[in-house]
mmCIF file of all heavy atoms, coordinates in Angstrom:
data_MODEL
# 
_entry.id   MODEL 
# 
loop_
_atom_site.group_PDB 
_atom_site.id 
_atom_site.type_symbol 
_atom_site.label_atom_id 
_atom_site.label_alt_id 
_atom_site.label_comp_id 
_atom_site.label_asym_id 
_atom_site.label_entity_id 
_atom_site.label_seq_id 
_atom_site.pdbx_PDB_ins_code 
_atom_site.Cartn_x 
_atom_site.Cartn_y 
_atom_site.Cartn_z 
_atom_site.occupancy 
_atom_site.B_iso_or_equiv 
_atom_site.pdbx_formal_charge 
_atom_site.auth_seq_id 
_atom_site.auth_comp_id 
_atom_site.auth_asym_id 
_atom_site.auth_atom_id 
_atom_site.pdbx_PDB_model_num 
ATOM 1   N N   . CYS A 1 1  ? -7.902  -3.106 -2.245  1.00 0.00 ? 1  CYS A N   1 
ATOM 2   C CA  . CYS A 1 1  ? -7.226  -1.821 -2.188  1.00 0.00 ? 1  CYS A CA  1 
ATOM 3   C C   . CYS A 1 1  ? -7.452  -1.074 -3.491  1.00 0.00 ? 1  CYS A C   1 
ATOM 4   O O   . CYS A 1 1  ? -7.662  0.115  -3.499  1.00 0.00 ? 1  CYS A O   1 
ATOM 5   C CB  . CYS A 1 1  ? -5.720  -2.019 -2.006  1.00 0.00 ? 1  CYS A CB  1 
ATOM 6   S SG  . CYS A 1 1  ? -5.284  -2.537 -0.354  1.00 0.00 ? 1  CYS A SG  1 
ATOM 7   N N   . HIS A 1 2  ? -7.489  -1.786 -4.607  1.00 0.00 ? 2  HIS A N   1 
ATOM 8   C CA  . HIS A 1 2  ? -7.717  -1.106 -5.910  1.00 0.00 ? 2  HIS A CA  1 
ATOM 9   C C   . HIS A 1 2  ? -9.130  -0.551 -6.025  1.00 0.00 ? 2  HIS A C   1 
ATOM 10  O O   . HIS A 1 2  ? -9.313  0.567  -6.463  1.00 0.00 ? 2  HIS A O   1 
ATOM 11  C CB  . HIS A 1 2  ? -7.449  -2.131 -7.041  1.00 0.00 ? 2  HIS A CB  1 
ATOM 12  C CG  . HIS A 1 2  ? -7.618  -1.526 -8.393  1.00 0.00 ? 2  HIS A CG  1 
ATOM 13  N ND1 . HIS A 1 2  ? -6.755  -0.526 -8.870  1.00 0.00 ? 2  HIS A ND1 1 
ATOM 14  C CD2 . HIS A 1 2  ? -8.595  -1.661 -9.299  1.00 0.00 ? 2  HIS A CD2 1 
ATOM 15  C CE1 . HIS A 1 2  ? -7.227  -0.156 -10.059 1.00 0.00 ? 2  HIS A CE1 1 
ATOM 16  N NE2 . HIS A 1 2  ? -8.308  -0.824 -10.373 1.00 0.00 ? 2  HIS A NE2 1 
ATOM 17  N N   . VAL A 1 3  ? -10.079 -1.308 -5.571  1.00 0.00 ? 3  VAL A N   1 
ATOM 18  C CA  . VAL A 1 3  ? -11.482 -0.862 -5.621  1.00 0.00 ? 3  VAL A CA  1 
ATOM 19  C C   . VAL A 1 3  ? -11.769 0.233  -4.643  1.00 0.00 ? 3  VAL A C   1 
ATOM 20  O O   . VAL A 1 3  ? -12.274 1.293  -4.952  1.00 0.00 ? 3  VAL A O   1 
ATOM 21  C CB  . VAL A 1 3  ? -12.482 -2.046 -5.419  1.00 0.00 ? 3  VAL A CB  1 
ATOM 22  C CG1 . VAL A 1 3  ? -13.917 -1.538 -5.304  1.00 0.00 ? 3  VAL A CG1 1 
ATOM 23  C CG2 . VAL A 1 3  ? -12.342 -3.035 -6.582  1.00 0.00 ? 3  VAL A CG2 1 
ATOM 24  N N   . ARG A 1 4  ? -11.371 0.013  -3.387  1.00 0.00 ? 4  ARG A N   1 
ATOM 25  C CA  . ARG A 1 4  ? -11.648 0.978  -2.323  1.00 0.00 ? 4  ARG A CA  1 
ATOM 26  C C   . ARG A 1 4  ? -10.844 2.282  -2.499  1.00 0.00 ? 4  ARG A C   1 
ATOM 27  O O   . ARG A 1 4  ? -11.288 3.329  -2.372  1.00 0.00 ? 4  ARG A O   1 
ATOM 28  C CB  . ARG A 1 4  ? -11.359 0.317  -0.941  1.00 0.00 ? 4  ARG A CB  1 
ATOM 29  C CG  . ARG A 1 4  ? -11.413 1.268  0.198   1.00 0.00 ? 4  ARG A CG  1 
ATOM 30  C CD  . ARG A 1 4  ? -12.827 1.727  0.472   1.00 0.00 ? 4  ARG A CD  1 
ATOM 31  N NE  . ARG A 1 4  ? -12.881 2.563  1.655   1.00 0.00 ? 4  ARG A NE  1 
ATOM 32  C CZ  . ARG A 1 4  ? -12.826 3.915  1.581   1.00 0.00 ? 4  ARG A CZ  1 
ATOM 33  N NH1 . ARG A 1 4  ? -12.756 4.534  0.446   1.00 0.00 ? 4  ARG A NH1 1 
ATOM 34  N NH2 . ARG A 1 4  ? -12.912 4.628  2.696   1.00 0.00 ? 4  ARG A NH2 1 
ATOM 35  N N   . GLY A 1 5  ? -9.555  2.113  -2.802  1.00 0.00 ? 5  GLY A N   1 
ATOM 36  C CA  . GLY A 1 5  ? -8.688  3.282  -2.925  1.00 0.00 ? 5  GLY A CA  1 
ATOM 37  C C   . GLY A 1 5  ? -8.451  3.569  -4.398  1.00 0.00 ? 5  GLY A C   1 
ATOM 38  O O   . GLY A 1 5  ? -7.294  3.478  -4.831  1.00 0.00 ? 5  GLY A O   1 
ATOM 39  N N   . ALA A 1 6  ? -9.481  3.870  -5.083  1.00 0.00 ? 6  ALA A N   1 
ATOM 40  C CA  . ALA A 1 6  ? -9.343  4.117  -6.526  1.00 0.00 ? 6  ALA A CA  1 
ATOM 41  C C   . ALA A 1 6  ? -8.367  5.244  -6.846  1.00 0.00 ? 6  ALA A C   1 
ATOM 42  O O   . ALA A 1 6  ? -7.819  5.293  -7.946  1.00 0.00 ? 6  ALA A O   1 
ATOM 43  C CB  . ALA A 1 6  ? -10.721 4.414  -7.129  1.00 0.00 ? 6  ALA A CB  1 
ATOM 44  N N   . HIS A 1 7  ? -8.147  6.168  -5.911  1.00 0.00 ? 7  HIS A N   1 
ATOM 45  C CA  . HIS A 1 7  ? -7.216  7.290  -6.152  1.00 0.00 ? 7  HIS A CA  1 
ATOM 46  C C   . HIS A 1 7  ? -5.847  7.004  -5.668  1.00 0.00 ? 7  HIS A C   1 
ATOM 47  O O   . HIS A 1 7  ? -5.028  7.846  -5.715  1.00 0.00 ? 7  HIS A O   1 
ATOM 48  C CB  . HIS A 1 7  ? -7.804  8.543  -5.503  1.00 0.00 ? 7  HIS A CB  1 
ATOM 49  C CG  . HIS A 1 7  ? -9.153  8.962  -6.056  1.00 0.00 ? 7  HIS A CG  1 
ATOM 50  N ND1 . HIS A 1 7  ? -9.294  9.347  -7.340  1.00 0.00 ? 7  HIS A ND1 1 
ATOM 51  C CD2 . HIS A 1 7  ? -10.349 8.984  -5.505  1.00 0.00 ? 7  HIS A CD2 1 
ATOM 52  C CE1 . HIS A 1 7  ? -10.569 9.650  -7.563  1.00 0.00 ? 7  HIS A CE1 1 
ATOM 53  N NE2 . HIS A 1 7  ? -11.243 9.439  -6.472  1.00 0.00 ? 7  HIS A NE2 1 
ATOM 54  N N   . ILE A 1 8  ? -5.600  5.804  -5.085  1.00 0.00 ? 8  ILE A N   1 
ATOM 55  C CA  . ILE A 1 8  ? -4.314  5.445  -4.617  1.00 0.00 ? 8  ILE A CA  1 
ATOM 56  C C   . ILE A 1 8  ? -3.568  4.704  -5.754  1.00 0.00 ? 8  ILE A C   1 
ATOM 57  O O   . ILE A 1 8  ? -4.024  3.653  -6.205  1.00 0.00 ? 8  ILE A O   1 
ATOM 58  C CB  . ILE A 1 8  ? -4.373  4.577  -3.359  1.00 0.00 ? 8  ILE A CB  1 
ATOM 59  C CG1 . ILE A 1 8  ? -5.045  5.313  -2.249  1.00 0.00 ? 8  ILE A CG1 1 
ATOM 60  C CG2 . ILE A 1 8  ? -2.971  4.150  -2.931  1.00 0.00 ? 8  ILE A CG2 1 
ATOM 61  C CD1 . ILE A 1 8  ? -5.284  4.517  -0.970  1.00 0.00 ? 8  ILE A CD1 1 
ATOM 62  N N   . PRO A 1 9  ? -2.493  5.240  -6.221  1.00 0.00 ? 9  PRO A N   1 
ATOM 63  C CA  . PRO A 1 9  ? -1.738  4.577  -7.323  1.00 0.00 ? 9  PRO A CA  1 
ATOM 64  C C   . PRO A 1 9  ? -1.246  3.216  -6.835  1.00 0.00 ? 9  PRO A C   1 
ATOM 65  O O   . PRO A 1 9  ? -0.965  2.985  -5.679  1.00 0.00 ? 9  PRO A O   1 
ATOM 66  C CB  . PRO A 1 9  ? -0.554  5.474  -7.576  1.00 0.00 ? 9  PRO A CB  1 
ATOM 67  C CG  . PRO A 1 9  ? -0.909  6.835  -6.990  1.00 0.00 ? 9  PRO A CG  1 
ATOM 68  C CD  . PRO A 1 9  ? -1.845  6.493  -5.872  1.00 0.00 ? 9  PRO A CD  1 
ATOM 69  N N   . LEU A 1 10 ? -1.174  2.290  -7.776  1.00 0.00 ? 10 LEU A N   1 
ATOM 70  C CA  . LEU A 1 10 ? -0.742  0.915  -7.487  1.00 0.00 ? 10 LEU A CA  1 
ATOM 71  C C   . LEU A 1 10 ? 0.645   0.897  -6.828  1.00 0.00 ? 10 LEU A C   1 
ATOM 72  O O   . LEU A 1 10 ? 0.924   0.190  -5.854  1.00 0.00 ? 10 LEU A O   1 
ATOM 73  C CB  . LEU A 1 10 ? -0.737  0.029  -8.769  1.00 0.00 ? 10 LEU A CB  1 
ATOM 74  C CG  . LEU A 1 10 ? -0.390  -1.408 -8.613  1.00 0.00 ? 10 LEU A CG  1 
ATOM 75  C CD1 . LEU A 1 10 ? -1.394  -2.101 -7.651  1.00 0.00 ? 10 LEU A CD1 1 
ATOM 76  C CD2 . LEU A 1 10 ? -0.390  -2.088 -9.948  1.00 0.00 ? 10 LEU A CD2 1 
ATOM 77  N N   . LYS A 1 11 ? 1.562   1.754  -7.344  1.00 0.00 ? 11 LYS A N   1 
ATOM 78  C CA  . LYS A 1 11 ? 2.908   1.817  -6.756  1.00 0.00 ? 11 LYS A CA  1 
ATOM 79  C C   . LYS A 1 11 ? 2.881   2.215  -5.301  1.00 0.00 ? 11 LYS A C   1 
ATOM 80  O O   . LYS A 1 11 ? 3.618   1.745  -4.460  1.00 0.00 ? 11 LYS A O   1 
ATOM 81  C CB  . LYS A 1 11 ? 3.735   2.824  -7.558  1.00 0.00 ? 11 LYS A CB  1 
ATOM 82  C CG  . LYS A 1 11 ? 5.146   2.938  -7.026  1.00 0.00 ? 11 LYS A CG  1 
ATOM 83  C CD  . LYS A 1 11 ? 5.986   3.932  -7.861  1.00 0.00 ? 11 LYS A CD  1 
ATOM 84  C CE  . LYS A 1 11 ? 7.393   4.077  -7.214  1.00 0.00 ? 11 LYS A CE  1 
ATOM 85  N NZ  . LYS A 1 11 ? 8.172   5.073  -7.921  1.00 0.00 ? 11 LYS A NZ  1 
ATOM 86  N N   . MET A 1 12 ? 1.963   3.177  -4.989  1.00 0.00 ? 12 MET A N   1 
ATOM 87  C CA  . MET A 1 12 ? 1.811   3.614  -3.589  1.00 0.00 ? 12 MET A CA  1 
ATOM 88  C C   . MET A 1 12 ? 1.291   2.463  -2.723  1.00 0.00 ? 12 MET A C   1 
ATOM 89  O O   . MET A 1 12 ? 1.768   2.271  -1.594  1.00 0.00 ? 12 MET A O   1 
ATOM 90  C CB  . MET A 1 12 ? 0.893   4.824  -3.503  1.00 0.00 ? 12 MET A CB  1 
ATOM 91  C CG  . MET A 1 12 ? 0.883   5.475  -2.175  1.00 0.00 ? 12 MET A CG  1 
ATOM 92  S SD  . MET A 1 12 ? -0.034  7.021  -2.283  1.00 0.00 ? 12 MET A SD  1 
ATOM 93  C CE  . MET A 1 12 ? 0.074   7.596  -0.628  1.00 0.00 ? 12 MET A CE  1 
ATOM 94  N N   . ASN A 1 13 ? 0.332   1.674  -3.188  1.00 0.00 ? 13 ASN A N   1 
ATOM 95  C CA  . ASN A 1 13 ? -0.172  0.519  -2.467  1.00 0.00 ? 13 ASN A CA  1 
ATOM 96  C C   . ASN A 1 13 ? 0.987   -0.439 -2.188  1.00 0.00 ? 13 ASN A C   1 
ATOM 97  O O   . ASN A 1 13 ? 1.132   -0.943 -1.054  1.00 0.00 ? 13 ASN A O   1 
ATOM 98  C CB  . ASN A 1 13 ? -1.279  -0.195 -3.224  1.00 0.00 ? 13 ASN A CB  1 
ATOM 99  C CG  . ASN A 1 13 ? -2.639  0.333  -2.820  1.00 0.00 ? 13 ASN A CG  1 
ATOM 100 O OD1 . ASN A 1 13 ? -2.824  0.861  -1.747  1.00 0.00 ? 13 ASN A OD1 1 
ATOM 101 N ND2 . ASN A 1 13 ? -3.564  0.208  -3.740  1.00 0.00 ? 13 ASN A ND2 1 
ATOM 102 N N   . ARG A 1 14 ? 1.749   -0.773 -3.180  1.00 0.00 ? 14 ARG A N   1 
ATOM 103 C CA  . ARG A 1 14 ? 2.913   -1.671 -3.047  1.00 0.00 ? 14 ARG A CA  1 
ATOM 104 C C   . ARG A 1 14 ? 3.903   -1.132 -2.015  1.00 0.00 ? 14 ARG A C   1 
ATOM 105 O O   . ARG A 1 14 ? 4.427   -1.895 -1.161  1.00 0.00 ? 14 ARG A O   1 
ATOM 106 C CB  . ARG A 1 14 ? 3.564   -1.974 -4.402  1.00 0.00 ? 14 ARG A CB  1 
ATOM 107 C CG  . ARG A 1 14 ? 2.784   -2.873 -5.237  1.00 0.00 ? 14 ARG A CG  1 
ATOM 108 C CD  . ARG A 1 14 ? 3.655   -3.290 -6.457  1.00 0.00 ? 14 ARG A CD  1 
ATOM 109 N NE  . ARG A 1 14 ? 2.772   -3.679 -7.534  1.00 0.00 ? 14 ARG A NE  1 
ATOM 110 C CZ  . ARG A 1 14 ? 2.862   -3.192 -8.761  1.00 0.00 ? 14 ARG A CZ  1 
ATOM 111 N NH1 . ARG A 1 14 ? 3.797   -2.356 -9.086  1.00 0.00 ? 14 ARG A NH1 1 
ATOM 112 N NH2 . ARG A 1 14 ? 1.978   -3.594 -9.674  1.00 0.00 ? 14 ARG A NH2 1 
ATOM 113 N N   . THR A 1 15 ? 4.161   0.135  -2.139  1.00 0.00 ? 15 THR A N   1 
ATOM 114 C CA  . THR A 1 15 ? 5.120   0.740  -1.211  1.00 0.00 ? 15 THR A CA  1 
ATOM 115 C C   . THR A 1 15 ? 4.676   0.666  0.219   1.00 0.00 ? 15 THR A C   1 
ATOM 116 O O   . THR A 1 15 ? 5.438   0.350  1.095   1.00 0.00 ? 15 THR A O   1 
ATOM 117 C CB  . THR A 1 15 ? 5.352   2.225  -1.647  1.00 0.00 ? 15 THR A CB  1 
ATOM 118 O OG1 . THR A 1 15 ? 5.802   2.265  -3.019  1.00 0.00 ? 15 THR A OG1 1 
ATOM 119 C CG2 . THR A 1 15 ? 6.389   2.907  -0.768  1.00 0.00 ? 15 THR A CG2 1 
ATOM 120 N N   . ILE A 1 16 ? 3.382   0.925  0.440   1.00 0.00 ? 16 ILE A N   1 
ATOM 121 C CA  . ILE A 1 16 ? 2.862   0.846  1.791   1.00 0.00 ? 16 ILE A CA  1 
ATOM 122 C C   . ILE A 1 16 ? 2.965   -0.571 2.296   1.00 0.00 ? 16 ILE A C   1 
ATOM 123 O O   . ILE A 1 16 ? 3.363   -0.820 3.484   1.00 0.00 ? 16 ILE A O   1 
ATOM 124 C CB  . ILE A 1 16 ? 1.385   1.384  1.855   1.00 0.00 ? 16 ILE A CB  1 
ATOM 125 C CG1 . ILE A 1 16 ? 1.363   2.864  1.581   1.00 0.00 ? 16 ILE A CG1 1 
ATOM 126 C CG2 . ILE A 1 16 ? 0.713   1.029  3.161   1.00 0.00 ? 16 ILE A CG2 1 
ATOM 127 C CD1 . ILE A 1 16 ? -0.038  3.418  1.344   1.00 0.00 ? 16 ILE A CD1 1 
ATOM 128 N N   . LEU A 1 17 ? 2.615   -1.581 1.505   1.00 0.00 ? 17 LEU A N   1 
ATOM 129 C CA  . LEU A 1 17 ? 2.745   -2.961 1.954   1.00 0.00 ? 17 LEU A CA  1 
ATOM 130 C C   . LEU A 1 17 ? 4.167   -3.339 2.311   1.00 0.00 ? 17 LEU A C   1 
ATOM 131 O O   . LEU A 1 17 ? 4.486   -3.998 3.256   1.00 0.00 ? 17 LEU A O   1 
ATOM 132 C CB  . LEU A 1 17 ? 2.215   -3.918 0.895   1.00 0.00 ? 17 LEU A CB  1 
ATOM 133 C CG  . LEU A 1 17 ? 0.664   -3.868 0.675   1.00 0.00 ? 17 LEU A CG  1 
ATOM 134 C CD1 . LEU A 1 17 ? 0.277   -4.733 -0.530  1.00 0.00 ? 17 LEU A CD1 1 
ATOM 135 C CD2 . LEU A 1 17 ? -0.013  -4.396 1.934   1.00 0.00 ? 17 LEU A CD2 1 
ATOM 136 N N   . ASN A 1 18 ? 5.156   -2.836 1.469   1.00 0.00 ? 18 ASN A N   1 
ATOM 137 C CA  . ASN A 1 18 ? 6.573   -3.106 1.789   1.00 0.00 ? 18 ASN A CA  1 
ATOM 138 C C   . ASN A 1 18 ? 6.977   -2.388 3.087   1.00 0.00 ? 18 ASN A C   1 
ATOM 139 O O   . ASN A 1 18 ? 7.707   -2.961 3.874   1.00 0.00 ? 18 ASN A O   1 
ATOM 140 C CB  . ASN A 1 18 ? 7.487   -2.558 0.618   1.00 0.00 ? 18 ASN A CB  1 
ATOM 141 C CG  . ASN A 1 18 ? 7.404   -3.429 -0.590  1.00 0.00 ? 18 ASN A CG  1 
ATOM 142 O OD1 . ASN A 1 18 ? 6.986   -4.602 -0.543  1.00 0.00 ? 18 ASN A OD1 1 
ATOM 143 N ND2 . ASN A 1 18 ? 7.692   -2.846 -1.753  1.00 0.00 ? 18 ASN A ND2 1 
ATOM 144 N N   . LEU A 1 19 ? 6.508   -1.204 3.294   1.00 0.00 ? 19 LEU A N   1 
ATOM 145 C CA  . LEU A 1 19 ? 6.850   -0.494 4.507   1.00 0.00 ? 19 LEU A CA  1 
ATOM 146 C C   . LEU A 1 19 ? 6.204   -1.187 5.716   1.00 0.00 ? 19 LEU A C   1 
ATOM 147 O O   . LEU A 1 19 ? 6.824   -1.178 6.851   1.00 0.00 ? 19 LEU A O   1 
ATOM 148 C CB  . LEU A 1 19 ? 6.400   0.942  4.457   1.00 0.00 ? 19 LEU A CB  1 
ATOM 149 C CG  . LEU A 1 19 ? 7.226   1.841  3.505   1.00 0.00 ? 19 LEU A CG  1 
ATOM 150 C CD1 . LEU A 1 19 ? 6.565   3.190  3.288   1.00 0.00 ? 19 LEU A CD1 1 
ATOM 151 C CD2 . LEU A 1 19 ? 8.653   2.026  4.052   1.00 0.00 ? 19 LEU A CD2 1 
ATOM 152 N N   . LEU A 1 20 ? 5.060   -1.701 5.582   1.00 0.00 ? 20 LEU A N   1 
ATOM 153 C CA  . LEU A 1 20 ? 4.414   -2.486 6.681   1.00 0.00 ? 20 LEU A CA  1 
ATOM 154 C C   . LEU A 1 20 ? 5.195   -3.667 7.088   1.00 0.00 ? 20 LEU A C   1 
ATOM 155 O O   . LEU A 1 20 ? 5.221   -4.052 8.305   1.00 0.00 ? 20 LEU A O   1 
ATOM 156 C CB  . LEU A 1 20 ? 2.956   -2.858 6.328   1.00 0.00 ? 20 LEU A CB  1 
ATOM 157 C CG  . LEU A 1 20 ? 1.965   -1.673 6.364   1.00 0.00 ? 20 LEU A CG  1 
ATOM 158 C CD1 . LEU A 1 20 ? 0.609   -2.124 5.824   1.00 0.00 ? 20 LEU A CD1 1 
ATOM 159 C CD2 . LEU A 1 20 ? 1.821   -1.133 7.777   1.00 0.00 ? 20 LEU A CD2 1 
ATOM 160 N N   . LYS A 1 21 ? 5.941   -4.279 6.144   1.00 0.00 ? 21 LYS A N   1 
ATOM 161 C CA  . LYS A 1 21 ? 6.786   -5.404 6.467   1.00 0.00 ? 21 LYS A CA  1 
ATOM 162 C C   . LYS A 1 21 ? 7.948   -4.931 7.355   1.00 0.00 ? 21 LYS A C   1 
ATOM 163 O O   . LYS A 1 21 ? 8.400   -5.594 8.263   1.00 0.00 ? 21 LYS A O   1 
ATOM 164 C CB  . LYS A 1 21 ? 7.345   -6.059 5.194   1.00 0.00 ? 21 LYS A CB  1 
ATOM 165 C CG  . LYS A 1 21 ? 6.268   -6.819 4.416   1.00 0.00 ? 21 LYS A CG  1 
ATOM 166 C CD  . LYS A 1 21 ? 6.896   -7.325 3.106   1.00 0.00 ? 21 LYS A CD  1 
ATOM 167 C CE  . LYS A 1 21 ? 5.792   -7.860 2.185   1.00 0.00 ? 21 LYS A CE  1 
ATOM 168 N NZ  . LYS A 1 21 ? 6.341   -8.194 0.851   1.00 0.00 ? 21 LYS A NZ  1 
ATOM 169 N N   . HIS A 1 22 ? 8.468   -3.719 6.989   1.00 0.00 ? 22 HIS A N   1 
ATOM 170 C CA  . HIS A 1 22 ? 9.598   -3.166 7.773   1.00 0.00 ? 22 HIS A CA  1 
ATOM 171 C C   . HIS A 1 22 ? 9.157   -2.708 9.149   1.00 0.00 ? 22 HIS A C   1 
ATOM 172 O O   . HIS A 1 22 ? 9.822   -2.933 10.132  1.00 0.00 ? 22 HIS A O   1 
ATOM 173 C CB  . HIS A 1 22 ? 10.260  -2.031 7.021   1.00 0.00 ? 22 HIS A CB  1 
ATOM 174 C CG  . HIS A 1 22 ? 11.416  -1.395 7.735   1.00 0.00 ? 22 HIS A CG  1 
ATOM 175 N ND1 . HIS A 1 22 ? 12.619  -2.009 7.766   1.00 0.00 ? 22 HIS A ND1 1 
ATOM 176 C CD2 . HIS A 1 22 ? 11.509  -0.282 8.430   1.00 0.00 ? 22 HIS A CD2 1 
ATOM 177 C CE1 . HIS A 1 22 ? 13.459  -1.269 8.489   1.00 0.00 ? 22 HIS A CE1 1 
ATOM 178 N NE2 . HIS A 1 22 ? 12.778  -0.216 8.899   1.00 0.00 ? 22 HIS A NE2 1 
ATOM 179 N N   . TYR A 1 23 ? 8.038   -2.009 9.250   1.00 0.00 ? 23 TYR A N   1 
ATOM 180 C CA  . TYR A 1 23 ? 7.512   -1.516 10.452  1.00 0.00 ? 23 TYR A CA  1 
ATOM 181 C C   . TYR A 1 23 ? 6.471   -2.457 11.065  1.00 0.00 ? 23 TYR A C   1 
ATOM 182 O O   . TYR A 1 23 ? 5.353   -2.094 11.253  1.00 0.00 ? 23 TYR A O   1 
ATOM 183 C CB  . TYR A 1 23 ? 6.887   -0.095 10.272  1.00 0.00 ? 23 TYR A CB  1 
ATOM 184 C CG  . TYR A 1 23 ? 7.932   0.969  9.955   1.00 0.00 ? 23 TYR A CG  1 
ATOM 185 C CD1 . TYR A 1 23 ? 8.119   1.349  8.625   1.00 0.00 ? 23 TYR A CD1 1 
ATOM 186 C CD2 . TYR A 1 23 ? 8.659   1.557  10.932  1.00 0.00 ? 23 TYR A CD2 1 
ATOM 187 C CE1 . TYR A 1 23 ? 9.097   2.292  8.302   1.00 0.00 ? 23 TYR A CE1 1 
ATOM 188 C CE2 . TYR A 1 23 ? 9.618   2.513  10.637  1.00 0.00 ? 23 TYR A CE2 1 
ATOM 189 C CZ  . TYR A 1 23 ? 9.852   2.848  9.339   1.00 0.00 ? 23 TYR A CZ  1 
ATOM 190 O OH  . TYR A 1 23 ? 10.803  3.801  9.013   1.00 0.00 ? 23 TYR A OH  1 
ATOM 191 N N   . ASN A 1 24 ? 6.916   -3.693 11.231  1.00 0.00 ? 24 ASN A N   1 
ATOM 192 C CA  . ASN A 1 24 ? 5.983   -4.752 11.687  1.00 0.00 ? 24 ASN A CA  1 
ATOM 193 C C   . ASN A 1 24 ? 5.839   -4.661 13.209  1.00 0.00 ? 24 ASN A C   1 
ATOM 194 O O   . ASN A 1 24 ? 6.759   -4.427 13.966  1.00 0.00 ? 24 ASN A O   1 
ATOM 195 C CB  . ASN A 1 24 ? 6.618   -6.081 11.304  1.00 0.00 ? 24 ASN A CB  1 
ATOM 196 C CG  . ASN A 1 24 ? 5.654   -7.216 11.459  1.00 0.00 ? 24 ASN A CG  1 
ATOM 197 O OD1 . ASN A 1 24 ? 4.445   -6.983 11.567  1.00 0.00 ? 24 ASN A OD1 1 
ATOM 198 N ND2 . ASN A 1 24 ? 6.168   -8.451 11.442  1.00 0.00 ? 24 ASN A ND2 1 
ATOM 199 N N   . ILE A 1 25 ? 4.548   -4.764 13.638  1.00 0.00 ? 25 ILE A N   1 
ATOM 200 C CA  . ILE A 1 25 ? 4.211   -4.794 15.044  1.00 0.00 ? 25 ILE A CA  1 
ATOM 201 C C   . ILE A 1 25 ? 3.374   -6.052 15.322  1.00 0.00 ? 25 ILE A C   1 
ATOM 202 O O   . ILE A 1 25 ? 2.856   -6.662 14.415  1.00 0.00 ? 25 ILE A O   1 
ATOM 203 C CB  . ILE A 1 25 ? 3.439   -3.522 15.507  1.00 0.00 ? 25 ILE A CB  1 
ATOM 204 C CG1 . ILE A 1 25 ? 2.199   -3.364 14.703  1.00 0.00 ? 25 ILE A CG1 1 
ATOM 205 C CG2 . ILE A 1 25 ? 4.324   -2.319 15.423  1.00 0.00 ? 25 ILE A CG2 1 
ATOM 206 C CD1 . ILE A 1 25 ? 1.287   -2.233 15.166  1.00 0.00 ? 25 ILE A CD1 1 
# 
């Protein structure tokens, strides 16, 4: 995620991962 999404802040990556836990399918 860090290499591919160089413009995505680390906090945003963590937030997305946390939200994926909540919106689990």
